[in-house]
Amino acid sequence: MRTISRRNWVKGMALATLGSVVFTDLKAADAPAIQWTADQDILLNNWMGVIIPESSIPGAVSLGVPAFVKVMLRDCYEPSTSASLTKVLAALPAIDKVSESEKEQLFFQIEKGKMGSDAQKAMATLKGLTIRGYMTTEYVMVNHLNYVMAPGFFNGCEPIKK
C-alpha cells in the first residue's frame, strides 16, 4: 500500500472538483433553449395579466414578471413542462377581446379542471411562477413588504459614554 502526500491529495481533489464543474457546465450547455414566439409572448402576458392585473399598483406584466417566468421555465423546469404550457396557452380561447370578468371566469374554470387536467396543471404552474415572480420584485418587496437590504444601521457619529 502506498501512502499519499498531502500535496498530491489536494491536487487530486482540485482536479476532481474542476472536472465535475466542467462536466456540469457542458451538460447544461447541451440543454435545449426554449424559443418563445411573439404570439406566445402575447398569450403569456395576457394570462399573467389575468392572474395579477394592473390596478392602482403595477401588475405582473408591467413589473417584468414574464421574463422571470421564461427564465424559470428554461432553467428550473423540464422541457416537457414548458412545452405543455405553450401547447395549453395556444389551445385556450383568445382572451384579448373579452371583458375582465369573463377572463377571470375562464381562468377559474381552467383551475377547476373543466378544460382538462393538462390545462389545469399548466395554469397551476403559471400561477405559481407568476405569484413568486411578483412577490420577489423590487417594487413589492420595498414598497409593500418593507424589505431592507441590509437591516441594522451604523451611526459613526455617536458619542462614546465613559
Protein backbone atom coordinates (compact mmCIF):
# COMPACT_ATOMS: atom_id res chain seq x y z
CA MET A 1 0.00 0.00 0.00
CA ARG A 2 1.32 3.36 -1.00
CA THR A 3 0.98 6.48 1.14
CA ILE A 4 -0.08 9.71 -0.47
CA SER A 5 1.33 13.10 0.40
CA ARG A 6 -0.89 15.98 1.34
CA ARG A 7 0.16 17.91 -1.76
CA ASN A 8 -0.87 15.07 -4.10
CA TRP A 9 -4.18 14.62 -2.26
CA VAL A 10 -5.03 18.34 -2.56
CA LYS A 11 -4.04 18.33 -6.24
CA GLY A 12 -6.25 15.30 -6.89
CA MET A 13 -9.22 16.83 -5.10
CA ALA A 14 -8.80 20.10 -7.01
CA LEU A 15 -8.75 18.26 -10.33
CA ALA A 16 -11.79 16.19 -9.36
CA THR A 17 -13.72 19.31 -8.38
CA LEU A 18 -12.72 21.14 -11.54
CA GLY A 19 -13.68 18.13 -13.65
CA SER A 20 -17.12 17.91 -12.10
CA VAL A 21 -17.74 21.64 -12.65
CA VAL A 22 -16.68 21.45 -16.29
CA PHE A 23 -18.83 18.36 -16.84
CA THR A 24 -21.85 20.07 -15.27
CA ASP A 25 -21.37 23.19 -17.41
CA LEU A 26 -21.04 21.12 -20.60
CA LYS A 27 -24.17 19.21 -19.68
CA ALA A 28 -26.07 22.46 -19.10
CA ALA A 29 -24.85 23.85 -22.43
CA ASP A 30 -26.49 20.93 -24.23
CA ALA A 31 -29.92 21.76 -22.77
CA PRO A 32 -32.40 22.83 -25.45
CA ALA A 33 -33.20 26.53 -25.44
CA ILE A 34 -36.88 27.44 -25.30
CA GLN A 35 -37.89 29.73 -28.14
CA TRP A 36 -40.88 31.94 -27.45
CA THR A 37 -42.63 33.40 -30.46
CA ALA A 38 -44.26 36.82 -30.41
CA ASP A 39 -47.73 35.23 -30.28
CA GLN A 40 -46.70 33.06 -27.31
CA ASP A 41 -45.32 36.16 -25.56
CA ILE A 42 -48.63 37.95 -26.04
CA LEU A 43 -50.57 34.94 -24.71
CA LEU A 44 -48.28 34.67 -21.71
CA ASN A 45 -48.62 38.39 -20.95
CA ASN A 46 -52.42 38.23 -21.30
CA TRP A 47 -52.77 35.29 -18.91
CA MET A 48 -50.35 36.84 -16.42
CA GLY A 49 -52.44 40.00 -16.61
CA VAL A 50 -55.44 37.91 -15.57
CA ILE A 51 -53.56 36.39 -12.62
CA ILE A 52 -52.21 39.72 -11.29
CA PRO A 53 -53.94 42.57 -13.17
CA GLU A 54 -52.99 46.22 -13.28
CA SER A 55 -54.71 48.42 -10.72
CA SER A 56 -53.58 51.32 -8.55
CA ILE A 57 -50.37 49.34 -8.14
CA PRO A 58 -48.44 47.85 -11.07
CA GLY A 59 -49.42 44.38 -12.22
CA ALA A 60 -47.31 41.38 -13.13
CA VAL A 61 -46.71 42.40 -16.74
CA SER A 62 -45.55 45.94 -16.01
CA LEU A 63 -43.11 44.71 -13.33
CA GLY A 64 -41.41 42.34 -15.78
CA VAL A 65 -42.61 39.05 -14.33
CA PRO A 66 -42.97 37.38 -17.78
CA ALA A 67 -39.18 37.48 -18.17
CA PHE A 68 -38.83 35.79 -14.77
CA VAL A 69 -41.31 33.07 -15.75
CA LYS A 70 -39.48 32.39 -19.01
CA VAL A 71 -36.13 32.08 -17.24
CA MET A 72 -37.58 29.78 -14.58
CA LEU A 73 -39.20 27.57 -17.21
CA ARG A 74 -35.94 27.40 -19.15
CA ASP A 75 -33.55 26.85 -16.24
CA CYS A 76 -35.52 25.10 -13.50
CA TYR A 77 -38.23 23.03 -15.17
CA GLU A 78 -38.16 20.08 -17.52
CA PRO A 79 -38.57 20.98 -21.22
CA SER A 80 -41.79 18.95 -21.24
CA THR A 81 -43.34 21.35 -18.71
CA SER A 82 -42.58 24.35 -20.89
CA ALA A 83 -43.83 22.57 -23.99
CA SER A 84 -47.03 21.62 -22.18
CA LEU A 85 -47.55 25.21 -21.03
CA THR A 86 -47.07 26.66 -24.51
CA LYS A 87 -49.36 24.00 -26.01
CA VAL A 88 -52.09 24.73 -23.45
CA LEU A 89 -51.78 28.51 -23.93
CA ALA A 90 -52.15 28.07 -27.70
CA ALA A 91 -55.19 25.79 -27.30
CA LEU A 92 -57.10 28.16 -25.00
CA PRO A 93 -59.54 30.62 -26.50
CA ALA A 94 -58.28 34.14 -27.19
CA ILE A 95 -58.82 36.41 -24.22
CA ASP A 96 -57.66 39.72 -25.65
CA LYS A 97 -61.14 40.81 -26.74
CA VAL A 98 -63.23 39.73 -23.72
CA SER A 99 -64.04 41.58 -20.51
CA GLU A 100 -62.09 41.20 -17.29
CA SER A 101 -64.87 39.25 -15.57
CA GLU A 102 -65.04 36.78 -18.47
CA LYS A 103 -61.26 36.33 -18.33
CA GLU A 104 -61.47 35.59 -14.60
CA GLN A 105 -64.33 33.13 -15.10
CA LEU A 106 -62.38 31.30 -17.80
CA PHE A 107 -59.33 31.15 -15.53
CA PHE A 108 -61.41 29.76 -12.65
CA GLN A 109 -62.88 27.11 -14.96
CA ILE A 110 -59.37 26.08 -16.02
CA GLU A 111 -58.28 25.95 -12.36
CA LYS A 112 -61.20 23.67 -11.51
CA GLY A 113 -60.19 21.29 -14.30
CA LYS A 114 -63.08 21.91 -16.68
CA MET A 115 -60.68 22.31 -19.62
CA GLY A 116 -58.73 19.13 -18.88
CA SER A 117 -56.02 18.09 -16.45
CA ASP A 118 -53.18 19.29 -18.72
CA ALA A 119 -54.62 22.80 -18.76
CA GLN A 120 -55.18 22.66 -15.01
CA LYS A 121 -51.55 21.66 -14.34
CA ALA A 122 -50.17 24.22 -16.78
CA MET A 123 -52.20 27.04 -15.26
CA ALA A 124 -51.20 25.99 -11.74
CA THR A 125 -47.55 26.19 -12.81
CA LEU A 126 -48.10 29.56 -14.48
CA LYS A 127 -49.99 30.92 -11.47
CA GLY A 128 -47.33 29.76 -9.02
CA LEU A 129 -44.48 31.23 -11.06
CA THR A 130 -46.38 34.48 -11.58
CA ILE A 131 -47.05 34.93 -7.87
CA ARG A 132 -43.47 34.02 -6.94
CA GLY A 133 -42.07 36.42 -9.54
CA TYR A 134 -44.41 39.23 -8.50
CA MET A 135 -43.75 38.86 -4.79
CA THR A 136 -39.98 38.97 -5.34
CA THR A 137 -39.92 42.12 -7.48
CA GLU A 138 -38.16 45.12 -6.02
CA TYR A 139 -41.35 47.20 -6.12
CA VAL A 140 -43.37 44.77 -4.00
CA MET A 141 -40.53 43.90 -1.64
CA VAL A 142 -39.61 47.51 -0.84
CA ASN A 143 -42.98 49.28 -1.02
CA HIS A 144 -45.33 46.64 0.40
CA LEU A 145 -43.25 44.17 2.39
CA ASN A 146 -40.92 46.78 3.94
CA TYR A 147 -37.84 44.85 2.86
CA VAL A 148 -34.50 46.41 3.79
CA MET A 149 -31.42 45.10 2.00
CA ALA A 150 -29.11 45.42 5.00
CA PRO A 151 -31.07 45.76 8.25
CA GLY A 152 -29.45 47.43 11.20
CA PHE A 153 -27.77 50.75 10.87
CA PHE A 154 -24.42 52.11 11.90
CA ASN A 155 -24.16 55.67 13.04
CA GLY A 156 -20.50 56.58 13.38
CA CYS A 157 -21.21 59.99 14.87
CA GLU A 158 -22.50 58.79 18.23
CA PRO A 159 -20.53 59.96 21.25
CA ILE A 160 -18.86 57.32 23.39
CA LYS A 161 -20.04 57.38 27.01
CA LYS A 162 -17.41 56.84 29.69
